[in-house]
Amino acid sequence: MNRPTKGKPLNKPGRDIIETAASLPESWVAMPDILHRLEARRQHVKQVCQSEGLDVPSVKYQPNAWEFLINHNYALVWCNVFKAASSTWMWNFNLLAGYTQEQLLKANEAPVAMARHKYPRPSVKKLQKVLNTSPPPLSFMITRHPLLRLVSAYRNKILAGNRIYKKISKKIIRTYNALGPPVPQETKDGRAPRHKVALVPSFPQFVQWVLDEEARGSNLDMHWIPQARFCTPCLVDFYVFAKMETLDEDANYIIFTSGINKVIKPKVINRSVGVSTEEAARKLLCQLSASQMDGLLHLYRLDFQLFEYEAESYRTCVGLKPTH
């Protein structure tokens, strides 16, 4: 999928920004290097799963079918990893379900809720049955660097003052005031809101809350739960492990292999408007203590291993020794 050119976005105040100029090439053929890369990812995930003893269900590791969407007409199975091109692909799946662009743009209902009218949440048994059909569907998930995904979630849900997270934000500020003062709320484009500036948790406060939630055994929020726990790739047979870092080519493979290029009208949603996530991450992650960074690396250990991400630059900026 080609990157959008700059143009006036279609969006409502407070809603996700939807770029209008994303386009597909007229035709697309997967080159050998792309096929090799996708196969290498499959094999790597398989090897890590086996070495970790996660390739068979256990008391602590069970297949999770909750966030899968199954499109029977196009033989597509997608595990929706939030904060990893999820809004863009929810748009695509809603178009495949029969919604029009106009309906999606004017809808007051959340895209996920609209999708679930068309794609009921499958049981594990139903998911496995679909994956075992012949020929098998094209099953995929999109992965993202765990720490960048966490930063993206913080900016979108906490720093921007998302109303759903206001109650928990107040609790975080009260509980972790010893970690420093809260920070001014920012809008999605990185600017302070026009009305009276509200205060939201700082990134270190937010991270400590996430780590403590994990230590308590709480179910982590879908926007920052480890991807390996959310989509259970060791117990679900994924054919494509797409990555945000190579998403143009990976998305084209999914789109043209499945034949949905004739149906979808691509949009790129939630693109960074102000400071990029990468730039924000360099600032925010280096605010953490060494123990907090160590806690995040432990929390997302499987994500780093399965999907081949590294965190050396973030380790060193908080004073942790390099791993090699």
Protein backbone atom coordinates (compact mmCIF):
# COMPACT_ATOMS: atom_id res chain seq x y z
CA MET A 1 0.00 0.00 0.00
CA ASN A 2 1.46 3.33 -1.02
CA ARG A 3 1.95 6.04 1.60
CA PRO A 4 -0.62 8.83 1.42
CA THR A 5 0.33 12.16 0.00
CA LYS A 6 -0.45 15.23 2.06
CA GLY A 7 -3.99 16.44 1.77
CA LYS A 8 -6.93 17.53 3.83
CA PRO A 9 -7.88 14.71 6.19
CA LEU A 10 -11.43 13.58 6.72
CA ASN A 11 -12.26 13.59 10.39
CA LYS A 12 -14.63 14.84 13.03
CA PRO A 13 -13.43 16.83 16.03
CA GLY A 14 -12.00 14.44 18.59
CA ARG A 15 -12.14 11.51 16.17
CA ASP A 16 -9.30 9.61 14.53
CA ILE A 17 -7.56 11.41 11.69
CA ILE A 18 -8.23 9.70 8.38
CA GLU A 19 -5.89 10.47 5.51
CA THR A 20 -7.63 10.40 2.14
CA ALA A 21 -4.80 9.83 -0.33
CA ALA A 22 -3.65 6.30 0.47
CA SER A 23 -3.64 4.22 -2.68
CA LEU A 24 -2.93 0.74 -3.96
CA PRO A 25 -0.74 -0.02 -6.96
CA GLU A 26 -2.54 -1.26 -10.07
CA SER A 27 -0.82 -4.61 -9.65
CA TRP A 28 1.65 -6.08 -7.21
CA VAL A 29 3.77 -9.23 -7.17
CA ALA A 30 5.62 -10.47 -4.10
CA MET A 31 9.33 -10.57 -4.86
CA PRO A 32 11.41 -13.51 -3.59
CA ASP A 33 12.99 -11.42 -0.81
CA ILE A 34 9.54 -10.62 0.60
CA LEU A 35 8.46 -14.26 0.52
CA HIS A 36 11.73 -15.26 2.19
CA ARG A 37 11.25 -12.65 4.91
CA LEU A 38 7.72 -13.83 5.70
CA GLU A 39 8.82 -17.47 5.80
CA ALA A 40 11.77 -16.59 8.05
CA ARG A 41 9.41 -14.87 10.47
CA ARG A 42 7.14 -17.91 10.61
CA GLN A 43 10.06 -20.21 11.31
CA HIS A 44 11.52 -17.90 13.93
CA VAL A 45 8.23 -17.69 15.83
CA LYS A 46 7.90 -21.46 15.69
CA GLN A 47 11.43 -21.97 17.05
CA VAL A 48 10.98 -19.49 19.90
CA CYS A 49 7.64 -21.04 20.85
CA GLN A 50 9.22 -24.49 21.00
CA SER A 51 12.24 -23.32 22.99
CA GLU A 52 9.96 -21.56 25.49
CA GLY A 53 7.68 -24.59 25.77
CA LEU A 54 4.69 -22.58 24.60
CA ASP A 55 3.75 -24.62 21.54
CA VAL A 56 1.30 -26.67 23.62
CA PRO A 57 -1.46 -25.23 25.85
CA SER A 58 -0.81 -25.01 29.57
CA VAL A 59 -2.56 -23.64 32.64
CA LYS A 60 -0.90 -20.25 32.11
CA TYR A 61 -0.92 -20.17 28.31
CA GLN A 62 -4.19 -20.86 26.52
CA PRO A 63 -5.23 -19.84 22.99
CA ASN A 64 -7.08 -16.52 22.96
CA ALA A 65 -9.65 -16.07 20.18
CA TRP A 66 -11.32 -12.95 21.61
CA GLU A 67 -9.90 -10.34 19.23
CA PHE A 68 -9.93 -12.37 16.02
CA LEU A 69 -12.03 -11.35 13.04
CA ILE A 70 -12.91 -14.02 10.49
CA ASN A 71 -13.98 -13.03 6.99
CA HIS A 72 -15.24 -16.16 5.26
CA ASN A 73 -15.85 -14.53 1.86
CA TYR A 74 -12.19 -13.65 1.43
CA ALA A 75 -10.70 -16.39 3.62
CA LEU A 76 -9.03 -13.90 5.95
CA VAL A 77 -8.36 -14.30 9.66
CA TRP A 78 -6.94 -11.32 11.54
CA CYS A 79 -5.94 -10.89 15.15
CA ASN A 80 -6.44 -7.21 15.89
CA VAL A 81 -3.43 -5.94 17.85
CA PHE A 82 -4.44 -2.52 19.10
CA LYS A 83 -1.93 0.27 18.35
CA ALA A 84 -0.47 -1.72 15.44
CA ALA A 85 -2.30 -0.39 12.36
CA SER A 86 -5.49 -1.59 14.02
CA SER A 87 -7.66 1.38 12.97
CA THR A 88 -6.52 1.09 9.37
CA TRP A 89 -7.30 -2.61 9.17
CA MET A 90 -10.56 -2.24 11.06
CA TRP A 91 -11.54 0.16 8.27
CA ASN A 92 -10.60 -2.50 5.71
CA PHE A 93 -12.51 -5.28 7.46
CA ASN A 94 -15.58 -3.08 7.83
CA LEU A 95 -15.53 -2.40 4.08
CA LEU A 96 -15.21 -6.15 3.45
CA ALA A 97 -18.24 -6.68 5.70
CA GLY A 98 -20.37 -4.46 3.45
CA TYR A 99 -20.25 -1.04 5.09
CA THR A 100 -19.77 1.89 2.72
CA GLN A 101 -17.14 4.59 3.18
CA GLU A 102 -19.91 7.09 3.85
CA GLN A 103 -21.38 4.92 6.59
CA LEU A 104 -17.99 4.55 8.25
CA LEU A 105 -17.19 8.25 8.10
CA LYS A 106 -20.57 9.36 9.45
CA ALA A 107 -21.02 6.64 12.06
CA ASN A 108 -21.34 7.60 15.71
CA GLU A 109 -20.62 4.03 16.76
CA ALA A 110 -17.00 2.96 17.27
CA PRO A 111 -15.48 1.04 14.33
CA VAL A 112 -14.78 -1.97 16.57
CA ALA A 113 -18.43 -2.12 17.65
CA MET A 114 -19.55 -1.84 14.01
CA ALA A 115 -17.21 -4.66 13.08
CA ARG A 116 -18.58 -6.94 15.78
CA HIS A 117 -22.08 -6.65 14.30
CA LYS A 118 -20.63 -8.40 11.24
CA TYR A 119 -17.84 -10.45 12.83
CA PRO A 120 -19.01 -12.16 16.04
CA ARG A 121 -16.23 -13.01 18.45
CA PRO A 122 -15.24 -16.61 17.70
CA SER A 123 -14.71 -19.33 20.25
CA VAL A 124 -11.36 -21.09 20.30
CA LYS A 125 -13.06 -24.14 18.78
CA LYS A 126 -14.55 -22.08 15.94
CA LEU A 127 -11.23 -20.34 15.26
CA GLN A 128 -9.32 -23.62 15.11
CA LYS A 129 -11.94 -25.13 12.82
CA VAL A 130 -11.60 -22.22 10.38
CA LEU A 131 -7.79 -22.34 10.48
CA ASN A 132 -7.86 -26.09 9.76
CA THR A 133 -10.02 -25.82 6.64
CA SER A 134 -8.56 -26.73 3.26
CA PRO A 135 -7.32 -24.60 1.68
CA PRO A 136 -6.48 -22.68 4.85
CA PRO A 137 -7.34 -18.98 5.19
CA LEU A 138 -4.72 -16.26 5.13
CA SER A 139 -4.26 -15.67 8.85
CA PHE A 140 -2.25 -12.68 10.00
CA MET A 141 -1.36 -10.35 12.81
CA ILE A 142 0.53 -7.06 12.68
CA THR A 143 3.26 -6.57 15.26
CA ARG A 144 4.93 -3.43 16.57
CA HIS A 145 7.95 -2.68 18.73
CA PRO A 146 6.55 -3.27 22.25
CA LEU A 147 7.90 -0.03 23.72
CA LEU A 148 6.76 2.10 20.77
CA ARG A 149 3.33 0.52 21.04
CA LEU A 150 3.26 1.38 24.75
CA VAL A 151 4.27 4.98 24.04
CA SER A 152 1.62 5.25 21.32
CA ALA A 153 -1.03 3.95 23.72
CA TYR A 154 0.05 6.39 26.44
CA ARG A 155 -0.10 9.37 24.09
CA ASN A 156 -3.47 8.40 22.64
CA LYS A 157 -5.28 7.17 25.74
CA ILE A 158 -3.66 8.96 28.69
CA LEU A 159 -1.81 12.06 27.51
CA ALA A 160 -4.63 13.08 25.15
CA GLY A 161 -7.13 12.80 28.01
CA ASN A 162 -9.32 10.10 26.48
CA ARG A 163 -12.57 10.26 28.47
CA ILE A 164 -12.70 6.48 28.95
CA TYR A 165 -9.38 6.65 30.82
CA LYS A 166 -10.04 9.77 32.92
CA LYS A 167 -11.10 7.86 36.03
CA ILE A 168 -8.04 5.61 36.01
CA SER A 169 -5.81 8.60 35.20
CA LYS A 170 -6.96 10.35 38.38
CA LYS A 171 -6.27 7.18 40.36
CA ILE A 172 -2.77 6.89 38.89
CA ILE A 173 -1.97 10.49 39.81
CA ARG A 174 -3.14 9.94 43.41
CA THR A 175 -1.31 6.63 43.80
CA TYR A 176 2.01 7.59 42.25
CA ASN A 177 2.44 11.23 43.23
CA ALA A 178 5.84 10.32 44.71
CA LEU A 179 7.11 9.74 41.16
CA GLY A 180 6.76 13.41 40.34
CA PRO A 181 4.04 15.79 39.24
CA PRO A 182 1.44 15.00 36.57
CA VAL A 183 1.76 16.65 33.18
CA PRO A 184 -0.55 18.87 31.11
CA GLN A 185 -2.95 17.09 28.81
CA GLU A 186 -2.18 17.31 25.09
CA THR A 187 -4.43 16.93 22.07
CA LYS A 188 -3.83 14.32 19.37
CA ASP A 189 -1.78 16.80 17.36
CA GLY A 190 0.54 17.43 20.30
CA ARG A 191 -0.86 20.81 21.34
CA ALA A 192 -2.34 21.80 24.67
CA PRO A 193 -6.17 21.89 24.64
CA ARG A 194 -7.84 25.27 24.20
CA HIS A 195 -9.95 24.96 27.32
CA LYS A 196 -8.59 24.82 30.86
CA VAL A 197 -5.58 22.52 30.85
CA ALA A 198 -6.23 19.26 32.65
CA LEU A 199 -3.47 17.26 34.29
CA VAL A 200 -2.78 13.64 33.36
CA PRO A 201 -0.30 11.03 34.62
CA SER A 202 3.31 11.43 33.59
CA PHE A 203 4.84 8.59 31.61
CA PRO A 204 6.79 7.22 34.63
CA GLN A 205 3.56 7.26 36.68
CA PHE A 206 1.69 5.44 33.93
CA VAL A 207 4.43 2.82 33.48
CA GLN A 208 4.60 2.11 37.21
CA TRP A 209 0.84 1.56 37.25
CA VAL A 210 1.10 -0.88 34.31
CA LEU A 211 3.91 -2.79 36.03
CA ASP A 212 2.00 -2.94 39.31
CA GLU A 213 -1.15 -4.10 37.53
CA GLU A 214 0.89 -6.93 36.01
CA ALA A 215 2.39 -7.81 39.40
CA ARG A 216 -1.12 -7.99 40.89
CA GLY A 217 -2.19 -10.41 38.19
CA SER A 218 -4.73 -7.98 36.72
CA ASN A 219 -5.85 -8.26 33.12
CA LEU A 220 -3.89 -5.61 31.24
CA ASP A 221 -5.63 -3.16 28.93
CA MET A 222 -5.91 -4.27 25.31
CA HIS A 223 -3.82 -1.30 24.15
CA TRP A 224 -0.69 -2.36 26.06
CA ILE A 225 -1.11 -6.04 26.89
CA PRO A 226 1.81 -8.03 25.39
CA GLN A 227 1.08 -9.02 21.81
CA ALA A 228 2.17 -12.60 22.49
CA ARG A 229 -0.44 -12.85 25.23
CA PHE A 230 -3.15 -11.14 23.18
CA CYS A 231 -2.92 -13.18 19.97
CA THR A 232 -1.19 -16.30 21.37
CA PRO A 233 0.89 -16.90 18.21
CA CYS A 234 2.43 -20.03 19.70
CA LEU A 235 -0.98 -21.71 19.72
CA VAL A 236 -2.54 -20.14 16.61
CA ASP A 237 -1.24 -20.91 13.15
CA PHE A 238 -0.49 -17.51 11.60
CA TYR A 239 0.56 -17.45 7.97
CA VAL A 240 1.73 -13.82 7.95
CA PHE A 241 3.50 -11.93 10.71
CA ALA A 242 3.35 -8.41 9.33
CA LYS A 243 5.33 -5.65 10.99
CA MET A 244 4.76 -1.94 11.27
CA GLU A 245 8.35 -1.45 10.09
CA THR A 246 7.67 -3.20 6.75
CA LEU A 247 3.93 -2.66 6.59
CA ASP A 248 3.72 -1.29 3.04
CA GLU A 249 5.07 -4.52 1.56
CA ASP A 250 3.46 -6.79 4.13
CA ALA A 251 0.05 -5.18 3.65
CA ASN A 252 0.34 -5.44 -0.13
CA TYR A 253 1.07 -9.15 0.26
CA ILE A 254 -2.08 -9.65 2.36
CA ILE A 255 -4.24 -7.45 0.13
CA PHE A 256 -3.22 -8.86 -3.25
CA THR A 257 -2.87 -12.50 -2.15
CA SER A 258 -6.41 -12.48 -0.75
CA GLY A 259 -7.84 -10.48 -3.67
CA ILE A 260 -9.33 -7.73 -1.52
CA ASN A 261 -7.55 -5.09 -3.61
CA LYS A 262 -10.72 -5.05 -5.72
CA VAL A 263 -12.89 -4.19 -2.74
CA ILE A 264 -11.12 -2.01 -0.20
CA LYS A 265 -10.41 1.69 -0.58
CA PRO A 266 -7.39 2.15 1.67
CA LYS A 267 -7.19 4.79 4.34
CA VAL A 268 -4.31 5.38 6.72
CA ILE A 269 -5.79 6.17 10.10
CA ASN A 270 -4.21 7.58 13.27
CA ARG A 271 -1.03 8.70 11.57
CA SER A 272 1.20 10.85 13.79
CA VAL A 273 0.39 14.49 13.26
CA GLY A 274 2.86 16.26 15.50
CA VAL A 275 5.89 14.55 16.97
CA SER A 276 6.30 11.00 15.66
CA THR A 277 5.94 8.06 18.03
CA GLU A 278 9.64 7.28 17.54
CA GLU A 279 10.65 10.79 18.56
CA ALA A 280 8.28 10.82 21.51
CA ALA A 281 9.61 7.42 22.61
CA ARG A 282 13.19 8.69 22.76
CA LYS A 283 12.05 11.37 25.19
CA LEU A 284 9.51 9.46 27.26
CA LEU A 285 11.30 6.14 27.67
CA CYS A 286 14.46 7.86 28.87
CA GLN A 287 12.45 9.42 31.72
CA LEU A 288 12.04 5.99 33.31
CA SER A 289 14.14 4.57 36.10
CA ALA A 290 16.38 1.60 35.42
CA SER A 291 14.05 -0.64 37.44
CA GLN A 292 11.02 0.51 35.44
CA MET A 293 12.78 -0.20 32.15
CA ASP A 294 13.86 -3.58 33.46
CA GLY A 295 10.24 -4.27 34.37
CA LEU A 296 9.02 -3.36 30.88
CA LEU A 297 11.65 -5.54 29.25
CA HIS A 298 10.50 -8.44 31.41
CA LEU A 299 6.81 -7.76 30.71
CA TYR A 300 7.37 -7.69 26.95
CA ARG A 301 10.14 -10.31 26.85
CA LEU A 302 8.22 -12.68 24.58
CA ASP A 303 7.24 -9.87 22.21
CA PHE A 304 10.90 -8.94 21.83
CA GLN A 305 11.93 -12.55 21.24
CA LEU A 306 9.09 -13.71 19.00
CA PHE A 307 9.00 -10.67 16.74
CA GLU A 308 12.74 -9.85 16.81
CA TYR A 309 12.82 -6.39 18.32
CA GLU A 310 15.66 -4.86 20.31
CA ALA A 311 15.77 -2.22 23.04
CA GLU A 312 19.47 -1.44 23.46
CA SER A 313 19.16 2.32 22.98
CA TYR A 314 16.39 2.49 25.57
CA ARG A 315 18.32 0.30 28.02
CA THR A 316 21.40 2.46 27.92
CA CYS A 317 19.58 5.78 28.26
CA VAL A 318 18.25 4.74 31.68
CA GLY A 319 21.57 3.33 32.84
CA LEU A 320 21.12 -0.40 32.20
CA LYS A 321 24.12 -2.26 30.83
CA PRO A 322 23.98 -3.34 27.16
CA THR A 323 23.06 -7.00 26.67
CA HIS A 324 25.95 -7.49 24.24
